[in-house]
N, C-alpha and C. Protein backbone atom coordinates (compact mmCIF):
# COMPACT_ATOMS: atom_id res chain seq x y z
N MET A 1 12.45 0.48 -8.18
CA MET A 1 11.14 -0.07 -7.91
C MET A 1 11.15 -0.72 -6.53
N GLN A 2 10.13 -0.43 -5.76
CA GLN A 2 9.97 -1.02 -4.43
C GLN A 2 9.46 -2.45 -4.56
N PRO A 3 9.82 -3.35 -3.62
CA PRO A 3 9.29 -4.71 -3.68
C PRO A 3 7.76 -4.74 -3.73
N ARG A 4 7.12 -3.81 -3.04
CA ARG A 4 5.66 -3.74 -3.02
C ARG A 4 5.10 -3.55 -4.42
N ASP A 5 5.84 -2.85 -5.28
CA ASP A 5 5.38 -2.58 -6.64
C ASP A 5 5.30 -3.84 -7.49
N GLN A 6 5.92 -4.92 -7.04
CA GLN A 6 5.88 -6.19 -7.76
C GLN A 6 4.63 -6.99 -7.45
N LEU A 7 3.90 -6.61 -6.40
CA LEU A 7 2.72 -7.36 -5.98
C LEU A 7 1.50 -6.96 -6.80
N THR A 8 0.61 -7.93 -6.99
CA THR A 8 -0.67 -7.63 -7.62
C THR A 8 -1.58 -6.95 -6.60
N ALA A 9 -2.67 -6.39 -7.07
CA ALA A 9 -3.63 -5.74 -6.17
C ALA A 9 -4.17 -6.73 -5.14
N LYS A 10 -4.44 -7.96 -5.56
CA LYS A 10 -4.95 -8.98 -4.62
C LYS A 10 -3.90 -9.34 -3.58
N GLU A 11 -2.65 -9.47 -4.00
CA GLU A 11 -1.58 -9.80 -3.04
C GLU A 11 -1.41 -8.67 -2.03
N ILE A 12 -1.52 -7.44 -2.47
CA ILE A 12 -1.44 -6.30 -1.56
C ILE A 12 -2.60 -6.34 -0.57
N ARG A 13 -3.80 -6.61 -1.07
CA ARG A 13 -4.99 -6.68 -0.21
C ARG A 13 -4.83 -7.78 0.83
N VAL A 14 -4.40 -8.96 0.39
CA VAL A 14 -4.21 -10.09 1.31
C VAL A 14 -3.13 -9.75 2.34
N ALA A 15 -2.03 -9.17 1.92
CA ALA A 15 -0.95 -8.81 2.85
C ALA A 15 -1.44 -7.80 3.89
N THR A 16 -2.25 -6.85 3.45
CA THR A 16 -2.78 -5.86 4.38
C THR A 16 -3.74 -6.51 5.38
N LEU A 17 -4.55 -7.44 4.92
CA LEU A 17 -5.47 -8.13 5.82
C LEU A 17 -4.72 -9.02 6.81
N VAL A 18 -3.61 -9.61 6.37
CA VAL A 18 -2.76 -10.37 7.30
C VAL A 18 -2.22 -9.43 8.37
N TRP A 19 -1.76 -8.25 7.95
CA TRP A 19 -1.25 -7.25 8.89
C TRP A 19 -2.32 -6.85 9.89
N GLU A 20 -3.58 -6.83 9.45
CA GLU A 20 -4.69 -6.48 10.35
C GLU A 20 -5.04 -7.63 11.30
N GLY A 21 -4.44 -8.82 11.09
CA GLY A 21 -4.63 -9.92 12.02
C GLY A 21 -5.69 -10.93 11.63
N LEU A 22 -6.17 -10.88 10.39
CA LEU A 22 -7.20 -11.82 9.95
C LEU A 22 -6.60 -13.17 9.59
N THR A 23 -7.41 -14.21 9.74
CA THR A 23 -7.00 -15.56 9.35
C THR A 23 -7.22 -15.74 7.85
N ASN A 24 -6.65 -16.82 7.30
CA ASN A 24 -6.86 -17.11 5.88
C ASN A 24 -8.34 -17.29 5.57
N ARG A 25 -9.06 -17.94 6.46
CA ARG A 25 -10.50 -18.16 6.26
C ARG A 25 -11.25 -16.82 6.22
N GLU A 26 -10.92 -15.92 7.13
CA GLU A 26 -11.57 -14.60 7.15
C GLU A 26 -11.22 -13.80 5.90
N ILE A 27 -9.96 -13.87 5.49
CA ILE A 27 -9.52 -13.16 4.29
C ILE A 27 -10.26 -13.70 3.07
N ALA A 28 -10.40 -15.02 2.99
CA ALA A 28 -11.10 -15.64 1.87
C ALA A 28 -12.55 -15.15 1.77
N LYS A 29 -13.22 -15.03 2.91
CA LYS A 29 -14.61 -14.54 2.91
C LYS A 29 -14.66 -13.09 2.44
N ILE A 30 -13.71 -12.28 2.88
CA ILE A 30 -13.71 -10.85 2.53
C ILE A 30 -13.47 -10.65 1.04
N ILE A 31 -12.51 -11.37 0.47
CA ILE A 31 -12.20 -11.14 -0.94
C ILE A 31 -12.98 -12.06 -1.87
N GLY A 32 -13.82 -12.94 -1.30
CA GLY A 32 -14.70 -13.78 -2.10
C GLY A 32 -14.00 -14.91 -2.83
N THR A 33 -13.16 -15.63 -2.12
CA THR A 33 -12.44 -16.76 -2.72
C THR A 33 -12.28 -17.86 -1.69
N THR A 34 -11.44 -18.84 -1.99
CA THR A 34 -11.21 -19.95 -1.06
C THR A 34 -9.93 -19.73 -0.26
N GLU A 35 -9.80 -20.50 0.81
CA GLU A 35 -8.58 -20.43 1.62
C GLU A 35 -7.36 -20.82 0.80
N GLN A 36 -7.52 -21.80 -0.10
CA GLN A 36 -6.38 -22.24 -0.91
C GLN A 36 -5.87 -21.10 -1.80
N VAL A 37 -6.78 -20.33 -2.35
CA VAL A 37 -6.37 -19.20 -3.20
C VAL A 37 -5.65 -18.15 -2.34
N VAL A 38 -6.12 -17.92 -1.13
CA VAL A 38 -5.44 -16.99 -0.21
C VAL A 38 -4.03 -17.49 0.06
N LYS A 39 -3.87 -18.79 0.29
CA LYS A 39 -2.54 -19.37 0.52
C LYS A 39 -1.64 -19.15 -0.70
N ASN A 40 -2.22 -19.28 -1.89
CA ASN A 40 -1.45 -19.03 -3.11
C ASN A 40 -0.99 -17.58 -3.19
N TYR A 41 -1.90 -16.65 -2.87
CA TYR A 41 -1.52 -15.22 -2.85
C TYR A 41 -0.40 -14.98 -1.85
N LEU A 42 -0.52 -15.60 -0.68
CA LEU A 42 0.50 -15.42 0.35
C LEU A 42 1.85 -15.97 -0.11
N ARG A 43 1.85 -17.16 -0.71
CA ARG A 43 3.11 -17.76 -1.16
C ARG A 43 3.81 -16.86 -2.18
N THR A 44 3.05 -16.34 -3.13
CA THR A 44 3.68 -15.48 -4.15
C THR A 44 4.13 -14.15 -3.53
N ALA A 45 3.36 -13.62 -2.59
CA ALA A 45 3.77 -12.38 -1.91
C ALA A 45 5.03 -12.62 -1.08
N PHE A 46 5.10 -13.75 -0.39
CA PHE A 46 6.29 -14.10 0.38
C PHE A 46 7.52 -14.10 -0.53
N ASP A 47 7.38 -14.78 -1.68
CA ASP A 47 8.51 -14.87 -2.62
C ASP A 47 8.94 -13.50 -3.13
N LYS A 48 7.98 -12.68 -3.48
CA LYS A 48 8.29 -11.36 -4.04
C LYS A 48 8.92 -10.42 -3.02
N LEU A 49 8.48 -10.54 -1.75
CA LEU A 49 8.98 -9.64 -0.71
C LEU A 49 10.16 -10.21 0.06
N GLY A 50 10.46 -11.48 -0.16
CA GLY A 50 11.58 -12.10 0.54
C GLY A 50 11.31 -12.38 1.99
N VAL A 51 10.06 -12.71 2.32
CA VAL A 51 9.70 -13.08 3.70
C VAL A 51 9.32 -14.55 3.72
N TRP A 52 9.28 -15.13 4.92
CA TRP A 52 9.06 -16.57 5.06
C TRP A 52 7.79 -16.93 5.81
N SER A 53 7.14 -15.95 6.44
CA SER A 53 5.98 -16.29 7.28
C SER A 53 4.98 -15.13 7.30
N ARG A 54 3.79 -15.43 7.83
CA ARG A 54 2.77 -14.39 7.99
C ARG A 54 3.27 -13.29 8.92
N LEU A 55 4.00 -13.69 9.98
CA LEU A 55 4.53 -12.70 10.91
C LEU A 55 5.50 -11.75 10.20
N GLU A 56 6.41 -12.32 9.41
CA GLU A 56 7.35 -11.47 8.68
C GLU A 56 6.61 -10.57 7.68
N LEU A 57 5.56 -11.10 7.07
CA LEU A 57 4.77 -10.30 6.13
C LEU A 57 4.10 -9.14 6.87
N ALA A 58 3.50 -9.43 8.01
CA ALA A 58 2.84 -8.39 8.81
C ALA A 58 3.85 -7.33 9.24
N LEU A 59 5.03 -7.75 9.66
CA LEU A 59 6.07 -6.79 10.05
C LEU A 59 6.53 -5.96 8.86
N TYR A 60 6.63 -6.60 7.69
CA TYR A 60 7.02 -5.87 6.48
C TYR A 60 6.00 -4.77 6.18
N VAL A 61 4.71 -5.14 6.22
CA VAL A 61 3.65 -4.15 5.96
C VAL A 61 3.72 -3.04 7.00
N ALA A 62 3.86 -3.39 8.27
CA ALA A 62 3.91 -2.40 9.34
C ALA A 62 5.08 -1.43 9.16
N ASN A 63 6.22 -1.97 8.74
CA ASN A 63 7.41 -1.13 8.57
C ASN A 63 7.40 -0.30 7.30
N HIS A 64 6.44 -0.59 6.42
CA HIS A 64 6.37 0.14 5.16
C HIS A 64 5.06 0.91 5.00
N GLY A 65 4.48 1.34 6.11
CA GLY A 65 3.33 2.22 6.02
C GLY A 65 2.04 1.72 6.64
N GLY A 66 1.98 0.47 7.03
CA GLY A 66 0.77 -0.03 7.68
C GLY A 66 -0.46 0.14 6.81
N ALA A 67 -1.46 0.84 7.32
CA ALA A 67 -2.73 1.01 6.60
C ALA A 67 -2.54 1.71 5.26
N SER A 68 -1.62 2.65 5.20
CA SER A 68 -1.41 3.37 3.94
C SER A 68 -0.64 2.54 2.93
N TRP A 69 -0.10 1.40 3.35
CA TRP A 69 0.65 0.53 2.46
C TRP A 69 -0.21 -0.01 1.33
N ALA A 70 -1.49 -0.19 1.60
CA ALA A 70 -2.40 -0.72 0.59
C ALA A 70 -2.72 0.31 -0.50
N SER A 71 -2.53 1.57 -0.19
CA SER A 71 -2.81 2.62 -1.17
C SER A 71 -1.62 2.80 -2.10
N PRO A 72 -1.88 3.08 -3.38
CA PRO A 72 -0.76 3.34 -4.27
C PRO A 72 -0.01 4.59 -3.83
N PRO A 73 1.30 4.65 -4.04
CA PRO A 73 2.04 5.84 -3.65
C PRO A 73 1.48 7.08 -4.33
N GLN A 74 1.33 8.13 -3.57
CA GLN A 74 0.79 9.37 -4.10
C GLN A 74 1.91 10.34 -4.43
N ILE A 75 1.78 10.97 -5.56
CA ILE A 75 2.73 12.03 -5.93
C ILE A 75 2.13 13.33 -5.45
N GLU A 76 2.84 14.00 -4.59
CA GLU A 76 2.32 15.24 -4.05
C GLU A 76 2.45 16.34 -5.08
N LEU A 77 1.33 16.92 -5.39
CA LEU A 77 1.34 18.01 -6.37
C LEU A 77 1.31 19.33 -5.64
N GLY A 78 2.30 20.13 -5.87
CA GLY A 78 2.35 21.45 -5.26
C GLY A 78 1.99 22.50 -6.29
N ALA A 79 2.09 23.73 -5.91
CA ALA A 79 1.82 24.82 -6.84
C ALA A 79 2.93 24.85 -7.89
N PRO A 80 2.61 25.25 -9.10
CA PRO A 80 3.66 25.33 -10.12
C PRO A 80 4.74 26.32 -9.72
N ALA A 81 5.93 26.07 -10.23
CA ALA A 81 7.06 26.94 -9.90
C ALA A 81 6.70 28.38 -10.22
N GLY A 82 7.02 29.24 -9.30
CA GLY A 82 6.78 30.67 -9.52
C GLY A 82 5.39 31.12 -9.11
N ALA A 83 4.51 30.22 -8.74
CA ALA A 83 3.15 30.59 -8.39
C ALA A 83 3.11 31.44 -7.13
N GLU A 84 4.01 31.15 -6.17
CA GLU A 84 4.01 31.93 -4.94
C GLU A 84 4.30 33.41 -5.24
N GLY A 85 5.23 33.62 -6.12
CA GLY A 85 5.57 35.00 -6.50
C GLY A 85 4.41 35.69 -7.19
N GLN A 86 3.68 34.95 -8.03
CA GLN A 86 2.54 35.51 -8.73
C GLN A 86 1.45 35.88 -7.73
N VAL A 87 1.20 35.02 -6.76
CA VAL A 87 0.19 35.30 -5.74
C VAL A 87 0.60 36.53 -4.94
N ALA A 88 1.87 36.63 -4.58
CA ALA A 88 2.35 37.79 -3.83
C ALA A 88 2.17 39.06 -4.64
N ARG A 89 2.49 39.02 -5.95
CA ARG A 89 2.32 40.20 -6.79
C ARG A 89 0.86 40.62 -6.89
N MET A 90 -0.04 39.62 -6.98
CA MET A 90 -1.47 39.91 -7.05
C MET A 90 -1.95 40.55 -5.75
N ALA A 91 -1.46 40.06 -4.60
CA ALA A 91 -1.84 40.62 -3.32
C ALA A 91 -1.38 42.06 -3.20
N LEU A 92 -0.17 42.38 -3.69
CA LEU A 92 0.35 43.74 -3.64
C LEU A 92 -0.44 44.65 -4.57
N ALA A 93 -0.88 44.11 -5.70
CA ALA A 93 -1.62 44.91 -6.67
C ALA A 93 -2.98 45.31 -6.13
N ASP A 94 -3.55 44.53 -5.21
CA ASP A 94 -4.86 44.82 -4.64
C ASP A 94 -4.81 45.94 -3.62
N ARG A 95 -3.63 46.37 -3.21
CA ARG A 95 -3.51 47.40 -2.17
C ARG A 95 -3.79 48.76 -2.69
């Protein structure tokens, strides 16, 4: 499990907004809460990620995907095994 997976959705949102350079007051307005609640989110995110400051948090986000860090990890779905061969056989059959 990645450290990011331990964060709540709000902590991820706040961390991403810190990475974007917003102040606690600006973050509070965006997520519809108070500055104190933003500070609480930051403190718990710091603890979970093992960072000590907003700068370290911003660097952590930047080093782990930046803007895409806020999105849940995507599992890339490819074609089922053997599908390429089936497509090739179908193409040959059309000749």
